[in-house]
Protein backbone atom coordinates (compact mmCIF):
# COMPACT_ATOMS: atom_id res chain seq x y z
CA MET A 1 0.00 0.00 0.00
CA LEU A 2 1.26 3.50 -0.76
CA GLU A 3 1.96 6.01 1.95
CA PRO A 4 -0.12 9.17 1.45
CA GLY A 5 1.98 11.89 -0.10
CA ARG A 6 4.74 9.53 -1.20
CA GLY A 7 5.45 10.07 -4.90
CA SER A 8 5.27 6.81 -6.83
CA VAL A 9 4.71 5.71 -10.38
CA ASP A 10 1.24 4.55 -11.33
CA THR A 11 0.68 1.67 -13.74
CA SER A 12 0.46 4.02 -16.72
CA GLY A 13 3.83 5.60 -16.00
CA GLY A 14 2.58 8.91 -14.56
CA THR A 15 3.61 10.31 -11.21
CA LEU A 16 1.16 9.50 -8.45
CA ASP A 17 0.63 12.09 -5.72
CA ALA A 18 -1.46 10.02 -3.32
CA THR A 19 -2.07 12.92 -0.93
CA HIS A 20 -3.57 15.05 -3.69
CA ASP A 21 -5.69 12.18 -5.03
CA ILE A 22 -6.95 11.43 -1.51
CA SER A 23 -7.84 15.08 -0.94
CA VAL A 24 -9.79 15.34 -4.20
CA LEU A 25 -11.54 12.00 -3.61
CA ASN A 26 -12.49 12.94 -0.04
CA SER A 27 -13.93 16.23 -1.27
CA LEU A 28 -16.07 14.30 -3.78
CA ILE A 29 -17.08 11.85 -1.05
CA GLU A 30 -18.28 14.66 1.23
CA THR A 31 -20.26 16.37 -1.50
CA THR A 32 -21.73 13.10 -2.77
CA ILE A 33 -22.79 12.18 0.78
CA ASP A 34 -24.61 15.53 0.82
CA SER A 35 -26.36 14.35 -2.34
CA VAL A 36 -27.36 11.06 -0.68
CA ASP A 37 -28.72 12.96 2.32
CA GLY A 38 -30.54 15.42 0.07
CA TYR A 39 -32.18 12.64 -1.92
CA ARG A 40 -33.28 10.87 1.26
CA ARG A 41 -34.76 14.11 2.61
CA SER A 42 -36.50 14.75 -0.71
CA ALA A 43 -37.98 11.24 -0.66
CA GLN A 44 -39.46 11.94 2.76
CA GLU A 45 -40.87 15.31 1.71
CA ALA A 46 -42.28 14.40 -1.72
CA THR A 47 -46.03 13.91 -1.98
CA ASN A 48 -45.82 11.93 -5.21
CA SER A 49 -44.75 8.33 -4.56
CA ARG A 50 -43.15 8.13 -8.01
CA PHE A 51 -40.75 10.92 -7.05
CA SER A 52 -40.17 9.43 -3.60
CA ALA A 53 -39.18 6.12 -5.18
CA GLU A 54 -36.93 7.82 -7.71
CA PHE A 55 -35.25 9.90 -5.00
CA LEU A 56 -34.58 6.74 -2.97
CA ASP A 57 -33.22 4.93 -6.03
CA ARG A 58 -30.88 7.84 -6.74
CA ALA A 59 -29.77 7.95 -3.07
CA ASN A 60 -28.91 4.24 -3.22
CA GLU A 61 -27.03 4.70 -6.48
CA ARG A 62 -25.06 7.62 -4.97
CA GLU A 63 -24.18 5.44 -1.98
CA ARG A 64 -22.59 2.99 -4.42
CA VAL A 65 -20.60 5.88 -5.91
CA VAL A 66 -19.42 6.90 -2.41
CA SER A 67 -18.41 3.31 -1.70
CA GLN A 68 -16.23 3.15 -4.80
CA LEU A 69 -14.61 6.49 -3.99
CA ARG A 70 -13.89 5.29 -0.45
CA ASP A 71 -12.36 2.09 -1.81
CA ARG A 72 -9.95 4.14 -3.93
CA VAL A 73 -8.97 6.32 -0.96
CA ARG A 74 -8.17 3.16 1.01
CA GLN A 75 -6.14 1.78 -1.93
CA LEU A 76 -4.09 4.96 -1.79
CA GLY A 77 -3.49 4.48 1.94
CA GLY A 78 -5.83 7.23 3.09
CA ALA A 79 -8.77 7.46 5.45
CA PRO A 80 -12.02 8.11 3.56
CA GLU A 81 -14.48 10.75 4.73
CA ASP A 82 -17.59 9.41 6.37
CA ASP A 83 -19.69 12.58 6.67
CA GLY A 84 -21.02 15.19 4.33
CA THR A 85 -20.03 18.83 4.43
CA VAL A 86 -21.02 21.30 7.12
CA LEU A 87 -22.44 23.52 4.38
CA GLY A 88 -24.64 20.67 3.14
CA ALA A 89 -25.97 19.98 6.65
CA ALA A 90 -26.68 23.68 7.18
CA HIS A 91 -28.49 23.89 3.85
CA ARG A 92 -30.72 20.92 4.74
CA ALA A 93 -31.53 22.49 8.11
CA PHE A 94 -32.46 25.74 6.35
CA LEU A 95 -34.71 23.86 3.92
CA THR A 96 -36.45 22.07 6.77
CA LEU A 97 -37.12 25.38 8.51
CA ARG A 98 -38.28 27.01 5.28
CA ASP A 99 -40.64 24.11 4.51
CA ARG A 100 -42.16 24.30 7.98
CA ILE A 101 -42.88 27.99 7.50
CA THR A 102 -43.97 28.02 3.86
CA GLY A 103 -44.95 24.41 3.24
CA GLY A 104 -43.16 22.38 0.62
CA ASP A 105 -44.48 20.93 -2.60
CA ASP A 106 -43.00 18.59 -5.18
CA ALA A 107 -42.13 21.44 -7.54
CA SER A 108 -40.01 23.19 -4.88
CA ILE A 109 -38.41 19.88 -3.89
CA ILE A 110 -37.46 19.20 -7.52
CA ALA A 111 -36.07 22.74 -7.79
CA GLU A 112 -33.85 22.09 -4.75
CA VAL A 113 -32.73 18.73 -6.12
CA ASP A 114 -31.86 20.42 -9.43
CA HIS A 115 -29.88 23.09 -7.55
CA GLY A 116 -28.00 20.46 -5.53
CA GLU A 117 -27.30 18.36 -8.61
CA SER A 118 -25.88 21.37 -10.45
CA TYR A 119 -23.56 22.09 -7.53
CA LEU A 120 -22.46 18.45 -7.32
CA ASN A 121 -21.89 18.31 -11.07
CA GLY A 122 -19.63 21.36 -10.84
CA LYS A 123 -17.54 19.73 -8.12
CA TRP A 124 -17.08 16.59 -10.22
CA GLU A 125 -16.23 18.59 -13.37
CA THR A 126 -13.61 20.53 -11.42
CA ALA A 127 -12.08 17.26 -10.23
CA LEU A 128 -11.98 15.94 -13.79
CA GLN A 129 -10.06 19.03 -14.92
CA ASP A 130 -7.41 18.52 -12.22
CA ASP A 131 -4.21 17.65 -14.08
CA ARG A 132 -2.47 16.49 -10.87
CA LEU A 133 -4.68 13.40 -10.48
CA SER A 134 -3.21 10.00 -11.16
CA THR A 135 -4.42 8.18 -14.24
CA GLN A 136 -6.26 5.54 -12.17
CA THR A 137 -8.04 8.10 -9.99
CA ARG A 138 -9.05 10.21 -12.98
CA ALA A 139 -10.41 7.08 -14.73
CA LEU A 140 -12.50 6.19 -11.68
CA ILE A 141 -13.86 9.73 -11.36
CA GLN A 142 -14.70 9.77 -15.09
CA GLN A 143 -16.48 6.42 -14.81
CA LEU A 144 -18.54 7.51 -11.79
CA TYR A 145 -19.22 10.97 -13.21
CA SER A 146 -21.76 9.55 -15.66
CA SER A 147 -24.08 8.93 -12.69
CA VAL A 148 -23.72 12.51 -11.50
CA ARG A 149 -24.26 13.92 -14.98
CA ASP A 150 -27.31 11.71 -15.58
CA GLY A 151 -28.84 12.82 -12.27
CA ARG A 152 -28.24 16.47 -13.02
CA ASP A 153 -29.71 16.17 -16.51
CA ARG A 154 -32.76 14.25 -15.25
CA TRP A 155 -33.70 16.78 -12.57
CA ARG A 156 -32.85 19.81 -14.70
CA ARG A 157 -35.27 18.60 -17.42
CA LEU A 158 -37.95 17.90 -14.85
CA HIS A 159 -37.41 21.26 -13.13
CA GLU A 160 -37.69 23.05 -16.49
CA ASP A 161 -40.88 21.11 -17.28
CA VAL A 162 -42.39 22.01 -13.91
CA GLY A 163 -41.27 25.64 -14.15
CA GLY A 164 -42.57 25.85 -17.70
CA GLY A 165 -46.15 25.32 -16.66
CA ALA A 166 -46.33 21.54 -16.63
CA GLY A 167 -47.88 20.38 -13.41
CA ILE A 168 -46.95 17.61 -11.04
CA ALA A 169 -49.82 15.49 -9.88
CA SER A 170 -49.54 14.39 -6.28
CA ASP A 171 -50.75 10.96 -5.25
CA ALA A 172 -53.83 12.50 -3.67
CA SER A 173 -54.76 14.58 -6.71
CA ALA A 174 -54.02 11.69 -9.04
CA GLY A 175 -56.59 9.50 -7.36
CA GLY A 176 -54.06 7.57 -5.29
CA THR A 177 -51.90 6.49 -8.21
CA SER A 178 -48.29 7.34 -8.56
CA GLY A 179 -49.14 10.35 -10.72
CA GLY A 180 -46.52 12.07 -12.80
CA ILE A 181 -45.74 15.05 -14.86
CA SER A 182 -48.77 16.29 -16.71
């Protein structure tokens, strides 16, 4: 196992700065944990069971991403993060307070998910542009990034549909079915 910070050669011949890779990976872990927490919160708040199920599916998928990032940190000899960011926790607390005061609906939940996904996507794109990453770490980030990009694209389209006048039927207004975008 490599010692963090010890320069080595990776299998593709590039110089491996384990400390830098670990730092970037742990930053992605923290932010992706925020995404998991946000999806779980959204699943609890959504009135449409279709959205709740999709939020939970995405949370589970993001947990798999976090697991793979943690595995890479361990391979590099580091200690993976196990919590999200303080900013993410503060943002969720603010949203909870706001929802208690104003009441939340699926459209506002989707808007928040879209906002969070855009932020997460930016963090991952920044990591991919980091020319100090080892070849193996960059390849893993690129592979896992497709999940982040797909999530961002999915919720951005839905947010635009909702904001553009298309309604979201809740389970109650859809006669107890899983409803959807109208």
